[in-house]
N, C-alpha and C. Protein backbone atom coordinates (compact mmCIF):
# COMPACT_ATOMS: atom_id res chain seq x y z
N MET A 1 64.48 143.71 108.24
CA MET A 1 64.41 145.21 108.43
C MET A 1 64.81 146.19 107.33
N THR A 2 63.97 147.06 107.22
CA THR A 2 65.00 147.85 106.25
C THR A 2 65.76 148.97 106.87
N TYR A 3 66.72 149.76 106.32
CA TYR A 3 67.45 150.84 106.83
C TYR A 3 66.33 152.26 107.60
N SER A 4 65.46 152.21 106.53
CA SER A 4 64.46 153.38 107.44
C SER A 4 63.94 152.96 108.66
N GLU A 5 63.63 151.71 108.79
CA GLU A 5 62.80 151.36 109.95
C GLU A 5 63.67 150.98 111.35
N ALA A 6 65.24 150.66 111.02
CA ALA A 6 66.11 150.72 111.95
C ALA A 6 66.27 152.32 112.53
N VAL A 7 66.34 153.09 111.15
CA VAL A 7 66.56 154.32 111.98
C VAL A 7 65.33 155.02 112.68
N LYS A 8 64.63 154.51 112.10
CA LYS A 8 63.23 155.30 113.27
C LYS A 8 63.00 154.34 114.43
N ARG A 9 63.28 153.19 114.39
CA ARG A 9 63.76 152.34 116.04
C ARG A 9 64.60 152.96 116.73
N LEU A 10 65.62 153.40 116.41
CA LEU A 10 66.90 153.76 116.78
C LEU A 10 66.28 155.72 117.43
N GLU A 11 65.69 156.41 116.74
CA GLU A 11 64.98 157.70 116.91
C GLU A 11 63.99 157.20 118.55
N GLN A 12 63.36 156.38 118.21
CA GLN A 12 62.29 156.06 119.23
C GLN A 12 63.01 156.09 120.51
N LEU A 13 64.22 154.91 120.52
CA LEU A 13 64.99 154.50 121.79
C LEU A 13 65.92 155.49 122.15
N THR A 14 66.15 156.08 121.21
CA THR A 14 66.79 157.79 121.94
C THR A 14 65.91 158.62 122.51
N ALA A 15 65.20 158.77 121.83
CA ALA A 15 63.53 159.42 122.74
C ALA A 15 63.53 159.17 124.11
N SER A 16 63.36 157.64 124.39
CA SER A 16 63.23 157.18 125.48
C SER A 16 64.02 157.36 126.39
N ILE A 17 65.21 157.30 126.05
CA ILE A 17 66.70 157.26 127.07
C ILE A 17 66.85 158.76 127.26
N GLU A 18 66.64 159.72 126.47
CA GLU A 18 66.99 161.22 126.77
C GLU A 18 65.69 161.55 127.79
N GLN A 19 64.53 161.14 127.79
CA GLN A 19 63.42 161.48 128.51
C GLN A 19 63.38 160.66 129.60
N GLY A 20 64.32 159.91 130.07
CA GLY A 20 64.41 159.37 131.33
C GLY A 20 63.24 158.36 131.44
N GLN A 21 62.70 157.64 130.26
CA GLN A 21 61.55 156.94 130.87
C GLN A 21 62.04 155.30 130.95
N LEU A 22 62.91 155.30 131.05
CA LEU A 22 63.53 153.57 131.23
C LEU A 22 64.32 153.26 132.45
N ASP A 23 63.60 152.40 133.14
CA ASP A 23 64.53 151.78 134.32
C ASP A 23 65.73 151.26 133.89
N ILE A 24 66.61 151.19 135.17
CA ILE A 24 68.02 150.53 134.73
C ILE A 24 67.99 149.13 133.87
N ASP A 25 67.19 148.32 133.98
CA ASP A 25 67.35 147.09 133.61
C ASP A 25 66.49 147.03 132.06
N LYS A 26 65.47 148.16 131.83
CA LYS A 26 65.04 148.54 130.43
C LYS A 26 66.27 149.20 129.74
N LEU A 27 67.11 150.13 130.47
CA LEU A 27 68.05 150.83 129.65
C LEU A 27 68.83 149.86 129.13
N SER A 28 69.50 148.98 130.14
CA SER A 28 70.57 148.24 129.45
C SER A 28 69.93 147.63 128.09
N GLU A 29 69.03 146.98 128.07
CA GLU A 29 68.43 146.37 126.68
C GLU A 29 67.88 147.28 125.86
N ALA A 30 67.91 148.43 125.85
CA ALA A 30 67.58 149.44 125.07
C ALA A 30 69.24 149.86 124.41
N LEU A 31 69.99 149.68 125.14
CA LEU A 31 71.50 150.05 124.59
C LEU A 31 72.01 149.00 123.93
N LYS A 32 71.83 147.70 124.48
CA LYS A 32 72.12 146.47 123.68
C LYS A 32 71.30 146.48 122.11
N GLU A 33 70.20 147.13 122.40
CA GLU A 33 69.44 147.26 120.63
C GLU A 33 69.84 147.87 119.96
N ALA A 34 69.90 149.47 120.39
CA ALA A 34 70.52 150.42 120.05
C ALA A 34 71.57 149.86 119.35
N ARG A 35 72.84 149.45 120.21
CA ARG A 35 74.36 149.05 119.62
C ARG A 35 73.67 148.08 118.17
N GLN A 36 72.93 147.11 118.13
CA GLN A 36 72.80 146.24 117.09
C GLN A 36 72.10 147.04 115.99
N LEU A 37 71.42 148.24 116.05
CA LEU A 37 70.97 148.64 114.89
C LEU A 37 71.76 149.45 114.44
N LEU A 38 72.67 150.18 115.25
CA LEU A 38 73.61 151.07 114.72
C LEU A 38 74.58 150.26 113.89
N ASP A 39 74.93 148.94 114.31
CA ASP A 39 75.61 148.04 113.20
C ASP A 39 74.90 147.76 111.96
N PHE A 40 73.85 147.13 111.98
CA PHE A 40 73.13 146.90 110.98
C PHE A 40 72.88 148.07 110.03
N CYS A 41 72.67 149.54 110.45
CA CYS A 41 72.97 150.48 109.46
C CYS A 41 73.98 150.74 109.18
N LYS A 42 75.24 150.60 109.87
CA LYS A 42 76.64 150.95 109.23
C LYS A 42 76.91 149.56 107.81
N GLU A 43 76.36 148.88 108.26
CA GLU A 43 76.50 147.46 107.30
C GLU A 43 75.73 147.85 105.89
N LYS A 44 74.42 148.35 106.18
CA LYS A 44 73.49 148.58 105.28
C LYS A 44 74.27 149.88 104.31
N LEU A 45 74.78 150.92 104.74
CA LEU A 45 75.44 152.18 104.41
C LEU A 45 76.61 151.51 103.32
N GLY A 46 77.62 151.05 104.17
CA GLY A 46 78.79 150.44 103.69
C GLY A 46 78.56 149.56 102.13
N ALA A 47 77.35 148.74 102.21
CA ALA A 47 77.09 147.90 101.04
C ALA A 47 76.47 148.99 100.19
N ALA A 48 75.77 149.89 100.48
CA ALA A 48 75.48 150.81 99.66
C ALA A 48 76.51 151.59 98.97
N GLU A 49 77.49 151.91 99.72
CA GLU A 49 78.64 152.88 99.28
C GLU A 49 79.50 152.09 98.46
N GLN A 50 79.27 150.85 98.54
CA GLN A 50 80.20 149.64 97.83
C GLN A 50 79.38 149.62 96.26
N ASP A 51 78.34 149.55 96.33
CA ASP A 51 77.35 149.52 95.24
C ASP A 51 77.34 151.22 94.09
N VAL A 52 77.41 151.78 94.65
CA VAL A 52 77.52 153.21 94.22
C VAL A 52 79.01 153.19 93.28
N ASN A 53 80.06 152.87 94.45
CA ASN A 53 81.33 153.23 93.84
C ASN A 53 81.35 152.43 92.62
N LYS A 54 80.82 150.96 92.65
CA LYS A 54 80.73 150.04 91.45
C LYS A 54 80.10 150.48 90.27
N ILE A 55 79.12 151.01 90.55
CA ILE A 55 78.52 151.68 89.21
C ILE A 55 79.03 153.10 88.61
N LEU A 56 79.67 154.04 89.64
CA LEU A 56 80.45 154.73 89.26
C LEU A 56 81.89 154.56 88.73
N GLN A 57 82.30 153.36 88.69
CA GLN A 57 83.82 152.71 88.23
C GLN A 57 83.20 152.23 86.77
N THR A 58 81.99 151.68 86.58
CA THR A 58 81.51 151.13 85.78
C THR A 58 81.34 152.08 84.57
N ASP A 59 80.89 153.28 84.89
CA ASP A 59 80.17 154.29 84.19
C ASP A 59 81.39 154.74 83.69
N GLY A 60 82.49 155.41 84.35
CA GLY A 60 83.74 155.96 84.12
C GLY A 60 84.31 154.81 83.05
N GLN A 61 84.44 153.81 82.73
CA GLN A 61 84.72 152.80 81.81
C GLN A 61 84.59 152.65 80.66
N GLU A 62 83.27 153.24 80.48
CA GLU A 62 82.38 152.89 79.10
C GLU A 62 82.80 154.25 78.21
C-alpha cells in the first residue's frame, strides 16, 4: 500500500464514521483499520523525513 492509498482509505473511513453510516460492529472494525492506517502513515512520513535529513546532511558536507 502506498501513502496516498492509505490516506484515501482514511478519508473514506472518516467520512463513513462522521456520517453515521456504520453500525456499532462495523464502527469498531473501522476504528481498528484507521488506527493501523495512521500507524502506517506515521511510519512512512518518518522514513521520508530521515531520507530528507540524510540528503540535506550529505549536501552540506560537499
